């Protein structure tokens, strides 16, 4: 199966489980104006009923319990959405890296690297930036290897 056929097959598959569809719908709705107005209306109704219930502990407990439950559930839905968005962003970046001629493929799936590997890569790119500064041409190199080759060529040329 070719890559394009695999992408086509993925696109034709069902759009996820029942939970995935419900979670996505709730996540999208919770960021809407309607959701905000509902929350605002709920708080206003609660505040207006304060004198009726003589601002009792039960009256306060209603809003505290309600907001705690909603917040607790929303944290998980928001995190789920963030995880999905992050993974999709990584996939798009991986595709760009893989499709770019001359790009360093070492960054594909960089999100899976250990902290030590990330620090090492950061040091490589700091080296690339330093070499680019010395060359006074930021567009001259695209990878650490190219920067080292260009720098070595310049040094050799200066010696002759």
Protein backbone atom coordinates (compact mmCIF):
# COMPACT_ATOMS: atom_id res chain seq x y z
CA UNK A 1 0.00 0.00 0.00
CA UNK A 2 1.39 3.39 -0.96
CA UNK A 3 1.60 6.30 1.41
CA UNK A 4 -1.20 8.17 -0.39
CA UNK A 5 -3.44 5.10 -0.28
CA UNK A 6 -2.80 4.80 3.46
CA UNK A 7 -3.74 8.46 3.98
CA UNK A 8 -6.89 7.98 1.89
CA UNK A 9 -7.86 4.93 3.93
CA UNK A 10 -7.33 6.85 7.18
CA UNK A 11 -9.53 9.65 5.87
CA UNK A 12 -12.34 7.22 5.01
CA UNK A 13 -12.37 5.49 8.39
CA UNK A 14 -14.99 6.32 10.98
CA UNK A 15 -14.29 9.54 12.83
CA UNK A 16 -13.46 7.84 16.13
CA UNK A 17 -15.30 6.18 18.96
CA UNK A 18 -18.46 7.48 20.56
CA UNK A 19 -16.41 8.92 23.43
CA UNK A 20 -14.07 10.69 21.01
CA UNK A 21 -16.97 12.31 19.19
CA UNK A 22 -18.72 13.35 22.40
CA UNK A 23 -15.50 14.67 23.95
CA UNK A 24 -14.72 16.71 20.84
CA UNK A 25 -18.25 18.12 20.71
CA UNK A 26 -18.12 19.12 24.40
CA UNK A 27 -14.66 20.64 23.98
CA UNK A 28 -15.77 22.70 20.99
CA UNK A 29 -19.02 23.77 22.66
CA UNK A 30 -17.33 24.69 25.96
CA UNK A 31 -15.29 27.34 24.16
CA UNK A 32 -18.36 28.91 22.55
CA UNK A 33 -20.29 32.06 23.40
CA UNK A 34 -23.30 29.90 24.30
CA UNK A 35 -21.32 28.05 26.95
CA UNK A 36 -20.03 31.30 28.43
CA UNK A 37 -23.52 32.79 28.52
CA UNK A 38 -24.88 29.63 30.18
CA UNK A 39 -22.16 29.78 32.84
CA UNK A 40 -22.76 33.50 33.38
CA UNK A 41 -26.51 32.92 33.61
CA UNK A 42 -26.00 30.14 36.15
CA UNK A 43 -23.85 32.39 38.34
CA UNK A 44 -26.37 35.23 38.07
CA UNK A 45 -29.28 32.96 39.03
CA UNK A 46 -27.25 31.65 41.94
CA UNK A 47 -26.37 35.18 43.07
CA UNK A 48 -29.96 36.40 42.75
CA UNK A 49 -31.24 33.47 44.83
CA UNK A 50 -28.81 34.31 47.63
CA UNK A 51 -31.27 36.48 49.61
CA UNK A 52 -34.03 33.88 49.14
CA UNK A 53 -31.85 31.22 50.79
CA UNK A 54 -30.42 33.77 53.27
CA UNK A 55 -26.92 33.15 51.88
CA UNK A 56 -26.90 29.82 53.71
CA UNK A 57 -24.11 27.29 53.66
CA UNK A 58 -26.23 25.04 51.45
CA UNK A 59 -26.66 27.90 48.96
CA UNK A 60 -22.88 28.39 48.84
CA UNK A 61 -22.29 24.64 48.64
CA UNK A 62 -24.42 24.41 45.46
CA UNK A 63 -22.16 26.72 43.45
CA UNK A 64 -18.96 25.36 44.99
CA UNK A 65 -19.88 21.76 44.22
CA UNK A 66 -21.11 22.56 40.72
CA UNK A 67 -18.04 24.53 39.73
CA UNK A 68 -15.71 21.94 41.24
CA UNK A 69 -17.31 19.10 39.30
CA UNK A 70 -17.35 21.03 36.01
CA UNK A 71 -13.74 22.15 36.48
CA UNK A 72 -12.59 18.64 37.35
CA UNK A 73 -14.15 17.15 34.22
CA UNK A 74 -13.07 20.00 31.94
CA UNK A 75 -9.42 19.62 32.98
CA UNK A 76 -9.40 16.12 31.52
CA UNK A 77 -11.26 17.11 28.36
CA UNK A 78 -8.95 20.07 27.78
CA UNK A 79 -5.86 17.94 28.37
CA UNK A 80 -7.19 15.32 25.96
CA UNK A 81 -7.66 18.01 23.32
CA UNK A 82 -4.19 19.41 23.98
CA UNK A 83 -2.63 15.95 23.62
CA UNK A 84 -4.37 15.43 20.28
CA UNK A 85 -3.44 18.90 19.02
CA UNK A 86 0.17 18.39 20.08
CA UNK A 87 0.38 15.03 18.31
CA UNK A 88 -1.14 16.47 15.13
CA UNK A 89 1.32 19.36 15.22
CA UNK A 90 4.22 16.91 15.59
CA UNK A 91 2.92 14.88 12.65
CA UNK A 92 2.71 17.98 10.48
CA UNK A 93 6.22 19.04 11.45
CA UNK A 94 7.53 15.53 10.80
CA UNK A 95 5.96 15.63 7.34
CA UNK A 96 7.59 18.98 6.61
CA UNK A 97 10.97 17.71 7.77
CA UNK A 98 10.65 14.50 5.77
CA UNK A 99 9.53 16.38 2.64
CA UNK A 100 12.19 19.10 2.78
CA UNK A 101 15.25 18.32 0.73
CA UNK A 102 18.39 18.85 2.76
CA UNK A 103 16.56 18.92 6.08
CA UNK A 104 18.06 17.02 8.96
CA UNK A 105 15.86 13.97 9.56
CA UNK A 106 17.22 13.64 13.08
CA UNK A 107 14.35 15.84 14.28
CA UNK A 108 11.58 13.52 13.15
CA UNK A 109 9.78 12.41 16.33
CA UNK A 110 11.84 14.81 18.43
CA UNK A 111 8.96 14.82 20.94
CA UNK A 112 10.06 11.30 21.92
CA UNK A 113 13.66 12.29 22.71
CA UNK A 114 15.01 12.22 26.22
CA UNK A 115 15.90 15.50 27.91
CA UNK A 116 19.58 14.71 27.37
CA UNK A 117 19.04 14.19 23.63
CA UNK A 118 17.12 17.46 23.42
CA UNK A 119 19.93 19.31 25.21
CA UNK A 120 22.47 17.76 22.82
CA UNK A 121 20.41 18.84 19.79
CA UNK A 122 20.08 22.31 21.29
CA UNK A 123 23.86 22.47 21.56
CA UNK A 124 24.18 21.44 17.88
CA UNK A 125 21.86 24.23 16.83
CA UNK A 126 23.70 26.72 19.04
CA UNK A 127 26.86 25.65 17.18
CA UNK A 128 25.06 26.16 13.87
CA UNK A 129 24.02 29.65 14.96
CA UNK A 130 27.57 30.52 16.02
CA UNK A 131 28.98 29.32 12.70
CA UNK A 132 26.32 31.30 10.82
CA UNK A 133 27.29 34.43 12.79
CA UNK A 134 30.93 33.94 11.82
CA UNK A 135 29.91 33.53 8.16
CA UNK A 136 27.81 36.72 8.26
CA UNK A 137 25.23 34.91 6.13
CA UNK A 138 22.37 33.32 8.04
CA UNK A 139 20.98 31.62 4.93
CA UNK A 140 24.22 29.91 3.92
CA UNK A 141 23.71 26.66 5.85
CA UNK A 142 20.75 24.62 6.96
CA UNK A 143 22.27 21.82 9.00
CA UNK A 144 25.12 21.50 11.46
CA UNK A 145 26.97 19.30 9.00
CA UNK A 146 26.70 21.89 6.21
CA UNK A 147 27.82 24.60 8.62
CA UNK A 148 30.89 22.57 9.60
CA UNK A 149 31.74 21.86 5.95
CA UNK A 150 31.34 25.52 4.95
CA UNK A 151 33.37 26.67 7.93
CA UNK A 152 36.15 24.17 7.15
CA UNK A 153 36.20 25.30 3.51
CA UNK A 154 36.50 28.93 4.55
CA UNK A 155 39.34 28.14 6.94
CA UNK A 156 41.13 26.20 4.20
CA UNK A 157 40.62 29.04 1.75
CA UNK A 158 42.01 31.56 4.27
CA UNK A 159 45.14 29.46 4.77
CA UNK A 160 45.95 29.39 1.05
